[in-house]
Protein backbone atom coordinates (compact mmCIF):
# COMPACT_ATOMS: atom_id res chain seq x y z
CA UNK A 1 -6.37 -1.72 -2.23
CA UNK A 2 -3.77 -0.81 0.28
CA UNK A 3 -2.72 -0.60 3.91
CA UNK A 4 -0.39 1.99 5.42
CA UNK A 5 0.88 1.07 8.91
CA UNK A 6 1.40 4.27 10.89
CA UNK A 7 2.33 2.42 14.07
CA UNK A 8 2.02 -1.22 15.11
CA UNK A 9 3.19 -3.35 18.01
CA UNK A 10 2.69 -6.95 16.86
CA UNK A 11 2.83 -8.64 13.46
CA UNK A 12 2.24 -12.41 13.47
CA UNK A 13 2.51 -15.06 10.78
CA UNK A 14 -0.31 -17.51 10.15
CA UNK A 15 -0.79 -20.33 7.65
CA UNK A 16 -3.03 -19.56 4.72
CA UNK A 17 -5.04 -21.97 2.60
CA UNK A 18 -2.99 -21.88 -0.61
CA UNK A 19 -5.80 -23.69 -2.44
CA UNK A 20 -8.03 -20.65 -1.94
CA UNK A 21 -8.73 -18.44 -4.95
CA UNK A 22 -10.31 -15.60 -2.97
CA UNK A 23 -8.24 -12.40 -3.30
CA UNK A 24 -7.05 -10.91 0.01
CA UNK A 25 -5.66 -7.37 -0.27
CA UNK A 26 -3.65 -5.81 2.57
CA UNK A 27 -6.00 -4.23 5.13
CA UNK A 28 -8.61 -7.00 5.00
CA UNK A 29 -9.98 -8.06 8.40
CA UNK A 30 -8.87 -11.64 9.12
CA UNK A 31 -10.06 -14.43 11.44
CA UNK A 32 -8.83 -17.95 12.27
CA UNK A 33 -10.31 -21.20 11.00
CA UNK A 34 -9.39 -24.89 11.08
CA UNK A 35 -7.63 -26.08 7.92
CA UNK A 36 -7.92 -29.87 8.02
CA UNK A 37 -8.17 -32.99 10.17
CA UNK A 38 -4.79 -32.16 11.75
CA UNK A 39 -6.61 -29.23 13.42
CA UNK A 40 -4.01 -26.76 12.21
CA UNK A 41 -5.40 -23.24 12.06
CA UNK A 42 -5.17 -20.82 9.17
CA UNK A 43 -6.31 -17.27 8.46
CA UNK A 44 -9.23 -16.38 6.27
CA UNK A 45 -11.31 -13.31 5.53
CA UNK A 46 -13.48 -12.42 8.52
CA UNK A 47 -17.14 -12.89 7.62
CA UNK A 48 -18.52 -10.41 10.15
CA UNK A 49 -19.67 -13.18 12.51
CA UNK A 50 -16.38 -14.85 13.49
CA UNK A 51 -14.01 -13.10 15.89
CA UNK A 52 -11.44 -10.98 14.05
CA UNK A 53 -7.77 -11.38 14.99
CA UNK A 54 -6.28 -8.52 12.99
CA UNK A 55 -5.73 -7.11 9.50
CA UNK A 56 -3.78 -8.63 6.62
CA UNK A 57 -0.38 -7.08 5.99
CA UNK A 58 0.35 -9.17 2.88
CA UNK A 59 -1.50 -9.60 -0.40
CA UNK A 60 -2.87 -12.95 -1.52
CA UNK A 61 -3.86 -13.09 -5.21
CA UNK A 62 -4.73 -9.43 -5.17
CA UNK A 63 -5.66 -7.83 -8.49
CA UNK A 64 -2.56 -5.61 -8.45
CA UNK A 65 -0.29 -8.61 -7.83
CA UNK A 66 -1.05 -10.35 -11.14
CA UNK A 67 2.26 -10.86 -12.91
CA UNK A 68 2.86 -8.76 -16.00
CA UNK A 69 3.47 -10.25 -19.44
CA UNK A 70 4.98 -13.72 -18.99
CA UNK A 71 4.74 -13.69 -15.21
CA UNK A 72 8.46 -13.20 -14.86
CA UNK A 73 9.03 -10.05 -16.83
CA UNK A 74 7.54 -6.94 -18.37
CA UNK A 75 8.35 -5.03 -21.53
CA UNK A 76 10.04 -1.71 -20.74
CA UNK A 77 10.60 0.98 -23.38
CA UNK A 78 14.27 1.97 -23.35
CA UNK A 79 14.74 3.92 -26.57
CA UNK A 80 14.46 7.69 -26.57
CA UNK A 81 11.82 7.55 -29.30
CA UNK A 82 10.05 4.45 -27.93
CA UNK A 83 11.46 2.21 -30.63
CA UNK A 84 13.33 -0.29 -28.46
CA UNK A 85 12.26 -2.41 -25.53
CA UNK A 86 13.89 -4.70 -23.02
CA UNK A 87 12.60 -7.38 -20.69
CA UNK A 88 12.70 -6.81 -16.92
CA UNK A 89 12.80 -9.51 -14.27
CA UNK A 90 10.76 -8.94 -11.14
CA UNK A 91 10.32 -11.07 -8.04
CA UNK A 92 10.75 -14.44 -9.77
CA UNK A 93 10.44 -16.30 -6.48
CA UNK A 94 6.76 -15.59 -5.91
CA UNK A 95 5.25 -14.18 -9.12
CA UNK A 96 4.16 -11.09 -7.18
CA UNK A 97 2.18 -13.06 -4.58
CA UNK A 98 3.68 -12.26 -1.17
CA UNK A 99 2.46 -15.44 0.53
CA UNK A 100 3.49 -18.03 -2.05
CA UNK A 101 7.08 -18.64 -0.92
CA UNK A 102 6.29 -19.40 2.72
CA UNK A 103 2.59 -20.32 2.76
CA UNK A 104 2.28 -17.80 5.59
CA UNK A 105 0.49 -14.46 5.77
CA UNK A 106 1.58 -11.58 7.96
CA UNK A 107 -1.33 -10.31 10.07
CA UNK A 108 -1.16 -7.26 12.33
CA UNK A 109 -2.69 -8.49 15.61
CA UNK A 110 -1.53 -6.06 18.30
CA UNK A 111 -2.39 -2.45 18.90
CA UNK A 112 -1.61 0.02 16.17
CA UNK A 113 -2.79 2.81 13.93
CA UNK A 114 -3.39 2.12 10.26
CA UNK A 115 -4.72 3.77 7.12
CA UNK A 116 -6.56 1.55 4.68
CA UNK A 117 -8.66 1.57 1.53
CA UNK A 118 -10.41 -1.66 2.58
CA UNK A 119 -13.65 -0.32 4.06
CA UNK A 120 -17.35 -0.71 3.31
CA UNK A 121 -18.17 1.39 0.21
CA UNK A 122 -21.90 1.44 1.05
CA UNK A 123 -21.38 3.53 4.20
CA UNK A 124 -22.13 7.20 3.54
CA UNK A 125 -19.87 10.12 4.47
CA UNK A 126 -22.30 11.26 7.18
CA UNK A 127 -22.33 7.75 8.69
CA UNK A 128 -18.51 7.78 8.86
CA UNK A 129 -18.54 11.21 10.52
CA UNK A 130 -21.10 10.14 13.13
CA UNK A 131 -19.06 6.94 13.80
CA UNK A 132 -15.85 8.86 14.48
CA UNK A 133 -14.24 7.62 17.73
CA UNK A 134 -16.64 4.66 17.67
CA UNK A 135 -16.12 0.93 17.19
CA UNK A 136 -15.34 -0.67 13.84
CA UNK A 137 -16.46 -4.13 12.76
CA UNK A 138 -15.95 -6.45 9.82
CA UNK A 139 -18.64 -6.89 7.19
CA UNK A 140 -19.10 -10.20 5.32
CA UNK A 141 -16.26 -9.29 2.92
CA UNK A 142 -13.65 -8.46 5.56
CA UNK A 143 -14.07 -4.71 5.03
CA UNK A 144 -14.16 -2.26 7.93
CA UNK A 145 -17.58 -0.86 8.76
CA UNK A 146 -19.12 1.12 11.64
CA UNK A 147 -22.24 -1.06 11.36
CA UNK A 148 -22.20 -4.03 13.70
CA UNK A 149 -22.90 -5.21 17.21
CA UNK A 150 -20.34 -7.90 17.95
CA UNK A 151 -16.61 -8.59 17.63
CA UNK A 152 -15.18 -5.10 17.27
CA UNK A 153 -11.80 -4.92 15.53
CA UNK A 154 -10.88 -1.36 16.46
CA UNK A 155 -11.78 2.31 16.67
CA UNK A 156 -12.40 4.79 13.85
CA UNK A 157 -10.03 7.75 14.30
CA UNK A 158 -10.16 9.27 10.82
CA UNK A 159 -12.97 9.34 8.26
CA UNK A 160 -12.20 8.30 4.66
CA UNK A 161 -10.36 11.11 2.89
CA UNK A 162 -7.67 11.67 0.27
CA UNK A 163 -4.20 10.78 1.45
CA UNK A 164 -1.43 12.91 -0.11
CA UNK A 165 1.44 11.04 -1.70
CA UNK A 166 4.03 13.77 -1.18
CA UNK A 167 4.78 13.81 -4.91
CA UNK A 168 4.85 17.39 -6.20
CA UNK A 169 2.04 18.14 -8.60
CA UNK A 170 -1.08 20.17 -9.08
CA UNK A 171 -3.76 17.57 -8.44
CA UNK A 172 -4.79 18.64 -4.92
CA UNK A 173 -5.07 21.80 -2.83
CA UNK A 174 -1.75 21.13 -1.06
CA UNK A 175 0.28 20.55 -4.22
CA UNK A 176 0.62 16.78 -3.99
CA UNK A 177 -1.19 13.97 -5.74
CA UNK A 178 -3.39 11.70 -3.66
CA UNK A 179 -2.60 8.02 -3.11
CA UNK A 180 -6.33 7.42 -2.79
CA UNK A 181 -9.05 7.64 -0.17
CA UNK A 182 -7.96 6.15 3.16
CA UNK A 183 -9.78 5.49 6.42
CA UNK A 184 -7.69 5.76 9.63
CA UNK A 185 -8.31 3.36 12.51
CA UNK A 186 -6.75 2.06 15.70
CA UNK A 187 -6.50 -1.71 15.88
CA UNK A 188 -7.46 -3.12 19.27
CA UNK A 189 -5.22 -5.46 21.22
């Protein structure tokens, strides 16, 4: 799951409940909650009822952030015939979890245009087309959806479609391989 910021005006930092085991990929709709008796607030996945504040810019225990091999390294083939390997060292400070070092998550909260893969998979192509230029909401999983009546997060400006990576190839009609299927939306202020 991914988020591509096309344009944004405000990115804030909020505390996150580090005890949580719920994965939060970039692009997930977020809301605020109260963490403990100190009444400090933290961000959590918007459940479709609470007021959304923005979309996650960082990953928190996302499936693609699981550390390879030992957690600190991966085996890389270095020999020309695949007969020798070496160990790499990657991002030792946080084991691939962007929020671990600070306990904070970046959340886009101002106006902006974004492309994301975090949208409701049960919505049909015709529903997306008819919702174009309409309001977007959060479902119970923090995914964007055109189905809702309260607490709009933004406006749908592009239906889900393949997003070209710019890498030369023969996979698509325009000669570049797709990064995946992305929905384009404007985040409200």
